[in-house]
């Protein structure tokens, strides 16, 4: 009898653990701040320096709040705007719609506390951004 009880308890624990896991759409909800932005090595020095200066300001002053129904609120230095977001079914890409202009990023990692996105900014150049949930 104790063996049957153990088996039942084991499967109940597995089912409960699975039911408590959040989907990628749920994990992304909340406010995020960029922790770091890195560009690929193939970028020329002038472009890399330009991105470095721009990215420093973005890291310091911006937040991204993902809400249900694909709404994202972007805030930077007192300026606010609302974008749309759509995470692919397999959670391997995310598309942002900014006033009708769509841009898709590769999702390298998405957990409840960290998100890493790759942006192909130009031929052969990739920008990797690491976000932390606030």
N, C-alpha and C. Protein backbone atom coordinates (compact mmCIF):
# COMPACT_ATOMS: atom_id res chain seq x y z
N UNK A 1 0.82 -1.19 0.00
CA UNK A 1 0.00 0.00 0.00
C UNK A 1 0.86 1.26 0.00
N UNK A 2 1.95 1.26 0.74
CA UNK A 2 2.79 2.45 0.81
C UNK A 2 3.46 2.74 -0.54
N UNK A 3 3.75 1.67 -1.32
CA UNK A 3 4.34 1.87 -2.65
C UNK A 3 3.34 2.57 -3.56
N UNK A 4 2.06 2.18 -3.52
CA UNK A 4 1.03 2.83 -4.33
C UNK A 4 0.87 4.28 -3.91
N UNK A 5 0.90 4.53 -2.61
CA UNK A 5 0.76 5.89 -2.10
C UNK A 5 1.93 6.76 -2.55
N UNK A 6 3.14 6.18 -2.55
CA UNK A 6 4.32 6.89 -3.01
C UNK A 6 4.18 7.26 -4.49
N UNK A 7 3.76 6.30 -5.31
CA UNK A 7 3.58 6.54 -6.75
C UNK A 7 2.55 7.65 -6.99
N UNK A 8 1.44 7.59 -6.28
CA UNK A 8 0.40 8.62 -6.43
C UNK A 8 0.94 9.98 -6.01
N UNK A 9 1.65 10.03 -4.88
CA UNK A 9 2.21 11.29 -4.39
C UNK A 9 3.24 11.83 -5.38
N UNK A 10 4.05 10.94 -5.96
CA UNK A 10 5.06 11.36 -6.93
C UNK A 10 4.41 12.01 -8.15
N UNK A 11 3.42 11.36 -8.73
CA UNK A 11 2.76 11.90 -9.91
C UNK A 11 1.99 13.18 -9.59
N UNK A 12 1.42 13.26 -8.41
CA UNK A 12 0.73 14.49 -8.00
C UNK A 12 1.72 15.65 -7.91
N UNK A 13 2.92 15.38 -7.38
CA UNK A 13 3.96 16.42 -7.28
C UNK A 13 4.42 16.86 -8.66
N UNK A 14 4.60 15.91 -9.58
CA UNK A 14 5.01 16.24 -10.94
C UNK A 14 3.95 17.09 -11.63
N UNK A 15 2.70 16.70 -11.52
CA UNK A 15 1.61 17.46 -12.13
C UNK A 15 1.50 18.85 -11.53
N UNK A 16 1.64 18.97 -10.23
CA UNK A 16 1.57 20.27 -9.57
C UNK A 16 2.72 21.16 -10.02
N UNK A 17 3.91 20.60 -10.12
CA UNK A 17 5.07 21.37 -10.57
C UNK A 17 4.90 21.85 -11.99
N UNK A 18 4.36 21.02 -12.85
CA UNK A 18 4.13 21.40 -14.24
C UNK A 18 3.06 22.46 -14.34
N UNK A 19 2.02 22.35 -13.56
CA UNK A 19 0.92 23.31 -13.60
C UNK A 19 1.36 24.69 -13.09
N UNK A 20 2.38 24.74 -12.23
CA UNK A 20 2.83 26.01 -11.66
C UNK A 20 3.81 26.75 -12.56
N UNK A 21 4.35 26.10 -13.59
CA UNK A 21 5.28 26.77 -14.49
C UNK A 21 4.55 27.78 -15.33
N UNK A 22 5.15 28.96 -15.47
CA UNK A 22 4.53 30.01 -16.26
C UNK A 22 4.92 29.85 -17.73
N UNK A 23 4.00 30.19 -18.60
CA UNK A 23 4.30 30.18 -20.03
C UNK A 23 5.20 31.37 -20.34
N UNK A 24 5.82 31.35 -21.51
CA UNK A 24 6.69 32.46 -21.92
C UNK A 24 5.90 33.77 -21.96
N UNK A 25 4.65 33.72 -22.43
CA UNK A 25 3.80 34.92 -22.45
C UNK A 25 3.57 35.48 -21.06
N UNK A 26 3.53 34.61 -20.06
CA UNK A 26 3.35 35.06 -18.67
C UNK A 26 4.67 35.54 -18.08
N UNK A 27 5.77 34.88 -18.43
CA UNK A 27 7.07 35.26 -17.89
C UNK A 27 7.50 36.65 -18.34
N UNK A 28 7.10 37.04 -19.53
CA UNK A 28 7.54 38.31 -20.07
C UNK A 28 6.80 39.50 -19.45
N UNK A 29 5.65 39.24 -18.85
CA UNK A 29 4.85 40.33 -18.26
C UNK A 29 5.61 41.00 -17.13
N UNK A 30 5.54 42.33 -17.08
CA UNK A 30 6.19 43.10 -16.02
C UNK A 30 7.12 44.14 -16.61
N UNK A 31 7.85 44.81 -15.73
CA UNK A 31 8.75 45.88 -16.14
C UNK A 31 10.19 45.38 -16.20
N UNK A 32 10.84 45.68 -17.31
CA UNK A 32 12.21 45.25 -17.59
C UNK A 32 13.11 46.46 -17.79
N UNK A 33 14.37 46.28 -17.46
CA UNK A 33 15.38 47.31 -17.68
C UNK A 33 16.58 46.63 -18.35
N UNK A 34 17.16 47.31 -19.32
CA UNK A 34 18.33 46.74 -20.00
C UNK A 34 19.52 46.79 -19.05
N UNK A 35 20.19 45.65 -18.94
CA UNK A 35 21.40 45.56 -18.12
C UNK A 35 22.65 45.76 -18.96
N UNK A 36 22.64 45.23 -20.18
CA UNK A 36 23.81 45.38 -21.06
C UNK A 36 23.40 45.25 -22.51
N UNK A 37 24.20 45.90 -23.37
CA UNK A 37 24.02 45.80 -24.81
C UNK A 37 25.40 45.56 -25.41
N UNK A 38 25.53 44.49 -26.18
CA UNK A 38 26.81 44.18 -26.82
C UNK A 38 26.61 44.06 -28.32
N UNK A 39 27.56 44.61 -29.07
CA UNK A 39 27.50 44.51 -30.53
C UNK A 39 28.53 43.52 -31.02
N UNK A 40 28.28 42.97 -32.21
CA UNK A 40 29.19 41.98 -32.78
C UNK A 40 30.53 42.62 -33.13
N UNK A 41 31.52 41.78 -33.20
CA UNK A 41 32.88 42.25 -33.47
C UNK A 41 33.08 42.76 -34.90
N UNK A 42 32.20 42.38 -35.82
CA UNK A 42 32.40 42.77 -37.22
C UNK A 42 32.02 44.23 -37.49
N UNK A 43 31.50 44.93 -36.50
CA UNK A 43 31.11 46.33 -36.68
C UNK A 43 32.37 47.20 -36.73
N UNK A 44 32.37 48.18 -37.63
CA UNK A 44 33.53 49.07 -37.71
C UNK A 44 33.60 49.97 -36.47
N UNK A 45 34.77 50.55 -36.22
CA UNK A 45 35.02 51.32 -35.00
C UNK A 45 34.10 52.52 -34.85
N UNK A 46 33.83 53.24 -35.94
CA UNK A 46 32.96 54.42 -35.88
C UNK A 46 31.54 54.01 -35.50
N UNK A 47 31.02 52.98 -36.12
CA UNK A 47 29.66 52.50 -35.80
C UNK A 47 29.60 51.98 -34.37
N UNK A 48 30.63 51.24 -33.96
CA UNK A 48 30.64 50.69 -32.60
C UNK A 48 30.62 51.82 -31.56
N UNK A 49 31.40 52.88 -31.79
CA UNK A 49 31.43 54.01 -30.85
C UNK A 49 30.08 54.72 -30.80
N UNK A 50 29.44 54.88 -31.97
CA UNK A 50 28.12 55.52 -32.02
C UNK A 50 27.10 54.69 -31.23
N UNK A 51 27.10 53.39 -31.45
CA UNK A 51 26.18 52.51 -30.72
C UNK A 51 26.49 52.52 -29.22
N UNK A 52 27.76 52.56 -28.87
CA UNK A 52 28.16 52.56 -27.46
C UNK A 52 27.58 53.78 -26.74
N UNK A 53 27.68 54.95 -27.35
CA UNK A 53 27.16 56.18 -26.72
C UNK A 53 25.64 56.14 -26.61
N UNK A 54 24.98 55.75 -27.69
CA UNK A 54 23.52 55.66 -27.68
C UNK A 54 23.04 54.62 -26.68
N UNK A 55 23.69 53.48 -26.66
CA UNK A 55 23.29 52.40 -25.78
C UNK A 55 23.47 52.75 -24.31
N UNK A 56 24.50 53.52 -23.97
CA UNK A 56 24.72 53.92 -22.57
C UNK A 56 23.52 54.71 -22.07
N UNK A 57 22.99 55.59 -22.90
CA UNK A 57 21.82 56.38 -22.51
C UNK A 57 20.58 55.50 -22.39
N UNK A 58 20.41 54.57 -23.32
CA UNK A 58 19.26 53.66 -23.27
C UNK A 58 19.31 52.80 -22.01
N UNK A 59 20.48 52.28 -21.68
CA UNK A 59 20.62 51.44 -20.48
C UNK A 59 20.26 52.24 -19.23
N UNK A 60 20.74 53.45 -19.17
CA UNK A 60 20.54 54.27 -17.97
C UNK A 60 19.10 54.75 -17.80
N UNK A 61 18.43 55.10 -18.90
CA UNK A 61 17.19 55.85 -18.78
C UNK A 61 15.91 55.16 -19.24
N UNK A 62 15.98 53.92 -19.72
CA UNK A 62 14.77 53.33 -20.30
C UNK A 62 14.23 52.16 -19.50
N UNK A 63 12.90 51.98 -19.58
CA UNK A 63 12.23 50.79 -19.04
C UNK A 63 11.20 50.33 -20.07
N UNK A 64 10.90 49.04 -20.01
CA UNK A 64 9.96 48.40 -20.91
C UNK A 64 8.96 47.61 -20.07
N UNK A 65 7.68 47.98 -20.12
CA UNK A 65 6.67 47.29 -19.33
C UNK A 65 5.77 46.50 -20.27
N UNK A 66 5.86 45.18 -20.17
CA UNK A 66 5.06 44.27 -20.99
C UNK A 66 3.76 43.99 -20.26
N UNK A 67 2.65 44.22 -20.94
CA UNK A 67 1.33 43.97 -20.38
C UNK A 67 0.62 42.90 -21.20
N UNK A 68 -0.49 42.42 -20.66
CA UNK A 68 -1.29 41.43 -21.39
C UNK A 68 -1.82 42.05 -22.67
N UNK A 69 -2.33 41.20 -23.53
CA UNK A 69 -2.91 41.62 -24.81
C UNK A 69 -1.89 42.24 -25.75
N UNK A 70 -0.58 41.97 -25.53
CA UNK A 70 0.44 42.44 -26.45
C UNK A 70 0.75 43.92 -26.39
N UNK A 71 0.51 44.55 -25.26
CA UNK A 71 0.80 45.98 -25.09
C UNK A 71 2.10 46.13 -24.31
N UNK A 72 2.97 47.01 -24.81
CA UNK A 72 4.21 47.32 -24.09
C UNK A 72 4.35 48.83 -23.97
N UNK A 73 4.68 49.27 -22.77
CA UNK A 73 4.88 50.69 -22.53
C UNK A 73 6.38 50.93 -22.38
N UNK A 74 6.89 51.79 -23.26
CA UNK A 74 8.30 52.16 -23.26
C UNK A 74 8.43 53.52 -22.62
N UNK A 75 9.41 53.66 -21.74
CA UNK A 75 9.65 54.93 -21.07
C UNK A 75 11.14 55.22 -21.10
N UNK A 76 11.48 56.47 -21.51
CA UNK A 76 12.88 56.86 -21.52
C UNK A 76 12.98 58.35 -21.21
N UNK A 77 13.59 58.63 -20.09
CA UNK A 77 13.88 60.01 -19.71
C UNK A 77 12.64 60.90 -19.77
N UNK A 78 11.51 60.39 -19.26
CA UNK A 78 10.28 61.18 -19.21
C UNK A 78 9.41 61.10 -20.44
N UNK A 79 9.89 60.45 -21.49
CA UNK A 79 9.10 60.27 -22.70
C UNK A 79 8.50 58.87 -22.68
N UNK A 80 7.20 58.80 -22.90
CA UNK A 80 6.50 57.51 -22.85
C UNK A 80 5.83 57.23 -24.19
N UNK A 81 5.84 55.97 -24.58
CA UNK A 81 5.10 55.57 -25.78
C UNK A 81 4.60 54.14 -25.57
N UNK A 82 3.59 53.80 -26.34
CA UNK A 82 3.00 52.47 -26.25
C UNK A 82 3.27 51.73 -27.55
N UNK A 83 3.81 50.53 -27.42
CA UNK A 83 4.11 49.67 -28.56
C UNK A 83 3.28 48.41 -28.43
N UNK A 84 3.31 47.60 -29.46
CA UNK A 84 2.69 46.28 -29.42
C UNK A 84 3.80 45.24 -29.49
N UNK A 85 3.59 44.11 -28.83
CA UNK A 85 4.55 43.02 -28.89
C UNK A 85 3.83 41.72 -29.18
N UNK A 86 4.54 40.81 -29.85
CA UNK A 86 3.99 39.50 -30.17
C UNK A 86 5.11 38.47 -30.08
N UNK A 87 5.00 37.59 -29.10
CA UNK A 87 5.97 36.52 -28.92
C UNK A 87 5.54 35.33 -29.75
N UNK A 88 6.46 34.78 -30.53
CA UNK A 88 6.12 33.63 -31.37
C UNK A 88 5.67 32.46 -30.51
N UNK A 89 4.92 31.55 -31.11
CA UNK A 89 4.39 30.39 -30.38
C UNK A 89 5.50 29.56 -29.74
N UNK A 90 6.66 29.48 -30.39
CA UNK A 90 7.77 28.70 -29.84
C UNK A 90 8.69 29.55 -28.95
N UNK A 91 8.34 30.82 -28.75
CA UNK A 91 9.09 31.77 -27.90
C UNK A 91 10.53 31.97 -28.37
N UNK A 92 10.77 31.79 -29.68
CA UNK A 92 12.12 31.98 -30.21
C UNK A 92 12.30 33.33 -30.87
N UNK A 93 11.21 34.08 -31.03
CA UNK A 93 11.32 35.43 -31.58
C UNK A 93 10.21 36.30 -31.01
N UNK A 94 10.48 37.59 -30.99
CA UNK A 94 9.49 38.56 -30.54
C UNK A 94 9.47 39.70 -31.55
N UNK A 95 8.26 40.12 -31.91
CA UNK A 95 8.10 41.22 -32.86
C UNK A 95 7.49 42.40 -32.15
N UNK A 96 8.10 43.55 -32.35
CA UNK A 96 7.58 44.80 -31.81
C UNK A 96 6.98 45.60 -32.95
N UNK A 97 5.82 46.18 -32.71
CA UNK A 97 5.17 47.07 -33.67
C UNK A 97 5.20 48.45 -33.07
N UNK A 98 6.02 49.32 -33.66
CA UNK A 98 6.19 50.68 -33.17
C UNK A 98 5.59 51.61 -34.22
N UNK A 99 4.37 52.05 -33.95
CA UNK A 99 3.66 52.95 -34.88
C UNK A 99 3.62 52.41 -36.30
N UNK A 100 3.35 51.11 -36.44
CA UNK A 100 3.22 50.50 -37.76
C UNK A 100 4.50 49.92 -38.33
N UNK A 101 5.64 50.19 -37.71
CA UNK A 101 6.91 49.64 -38.15
C UNK A 101 7.21 48.42 -37.28
N UNK A 102 7.34 47.27 -37.93
CA UNK A 102 7.58 46.01 -37.20
C UNK A 102 9.06 45.66 -37.23
N UNK A 103 9.53 45.18 -36.08
CA UNK A 103 10.92 44.75 -35.97
C UNK A 103 10.94 43.46 -35.15
N UNK A 104 11.62 42.43 -35.66
CA UNK A 104 11.65 41.13 -35.01
C UNK A 104 13.04 40.86 -34.45
N UNK A 105 13.08 40.35 -33.23
CA UNK A 105 14.30 40.01 -32.52
C UNK A 105 14.30 38.51 -32.23
N UNK A 106 15.48 37.91 -32.21
CA UNK A 106 15.62 36.51 -31.79
C UNK A 106 15.66 36.47 -30.27
N UNK A 107 14.88 35.58 -29.67
CA UNK A 107 14.90 35.40 -28.22
C UNK A 107 15.93 34.32 -27.91
N UNK A 108 17.03 34.72 -27.30
CA UNK A 108 18.09 33.77 -26.94
C UNK A 108 17.78 33.08 -25.62
N UNK A 109 17.11 33.82 -24.72
CA UNK A 109 16.77 33.28 -23.42
C UNK A 109 15.63 34.10 -22.84
N UNK A 110 14.70 33.41 -22.17
CA UNK A 110 13.61 34.10 -21.48
C UNK A 110 13.25 33.31 -20.23
N UNK A 111 13.49 33.93 -19.09
CA UNK A 111 13.08 33.36 -17.82
C UNK A 111 12.24 34.43 -17.12
N UNK A 112 11.80 34.13 -15.94
CA UNK A 112 10.97 35.09 -15.22
C UNK A 112 11.76 36.33 -14.80
N UNK A 113 13.09 36.24 -14.76
CA UNK A 113 13.92 37.35 -14.28
C UNK A 113 14.88 37.92 -15.32
N UNK A 114 15.12 37.19 -16.42
CA UNK A 114 16.09 37.65 -17.41
C UNK A 114 15.61 37.33 -18.82
N UNK A 115 15.90 38.27 -19.73
CA UNK A 115 15.56 38.08 -21.14
C UNK A 115 16.76 38.55 -21.96
N UNK A 116 17.15 37.73 -22.95
CA UNK A 116 18.26 38.09 -23.83
C UNK A 116 17.74 38.06 -25.27
N UNK A 117 17.88 39.21 -25.96
CA UNK A 117 17.39 39.34 -27.33
C UNK A 117 18.55 39.69 -28.26
N UNK A 118 18.52 39.10 -29.46
CA UNK A 118 19.47 39.43 -30.52
C UNK A 118 18.75 40.23 -31.59
N UNK A 119 19.39 41.31 -32.01
CA UNK A 119 18.87 42.18 -33.06
C UNK A 119 19.88 42.23 -34.19
N UNK A 120 19.47 41.81 -35.37
CA UNK A 120 20.35 41.89 -36.54
C UNK A 120 20.25 43.33 -37.06
N UNK A 121 21.21 44.17 -36.65
CA UNK A 121 21.13 45.60 -36.95
C UNK A 121 21.63 45.96 -38.34
N UNK A 122 22.48 45.14 -38.90
CA UNK A 122 22.98 45.35 -40.26
C UNK A 122 23.58 44.02 -40.73
N UNK A 123 23.91 43.95 -41.98
CA UNK A 123 24.47 42.72 -42.54
C UNK A 123 25.69 42.27 -41.73
N UNK A 124 25.56 41.12 -41.11
CA UNK A 124 26.67 40.55 -40.35
C UNK A 124 26.85 41.12 -38.95
N UNK A 125 26.04 42.10 -38.56
CA UNK A 125 26.17 42.71 -37.23
C UNK A 125 24.97 42.37 -36.37
N UNK A 126 25.25 41.91 -35.17
CA UNK A 126 24.20 41.55 -34.23
C UNK A 126 24.42 42.33 -32.94
N UNK A 127 23.32 42.82 -32.40
CA UNK A 127 23.35 43.50 -31.11
C UNK A 127 22.60 42.62 -30.12
N UNK A 128 23.25 42.24 -29.03
CA UNK A 128 22.63 41.40 -28.01
C UNK A 128 22.33 42.25 -26.78
N UNK A 129 21.06 42.26 -26.40
CA UNK A 129 20.61 43.04 -25.23
C UNK A 129 20.15 42.10 -24.14
N UNK A 130 20.62 42.34 -22.92
CA UNK A 130 20.23 41.56 -21.77
C UNK A 130 19.36 42.44 -20.88
N UNK A 131 18.16 41.95 -20.57
CA UNK A 131 17.18 42.68 -19.77
C UNK A 131 17.02 41.96 -18.43
N UNK A 132 16.82 42.74 -17.37
CA UNK A 132 16.50 42.19 -16.05
C UNK A 132 15.15 42.72 -15.62
N UNK A 133 14.34 41.85 -15.04
CA UNK A 133 13.04 42.27 -14.56
C UNK A 133 13.19 43.08 -13.29
N UNK A 134 12.44 44.16 -13.20
CA UNK A 134 12.50 45.05 -12.04
C UNK A 134 11.61 44.56 -10.93
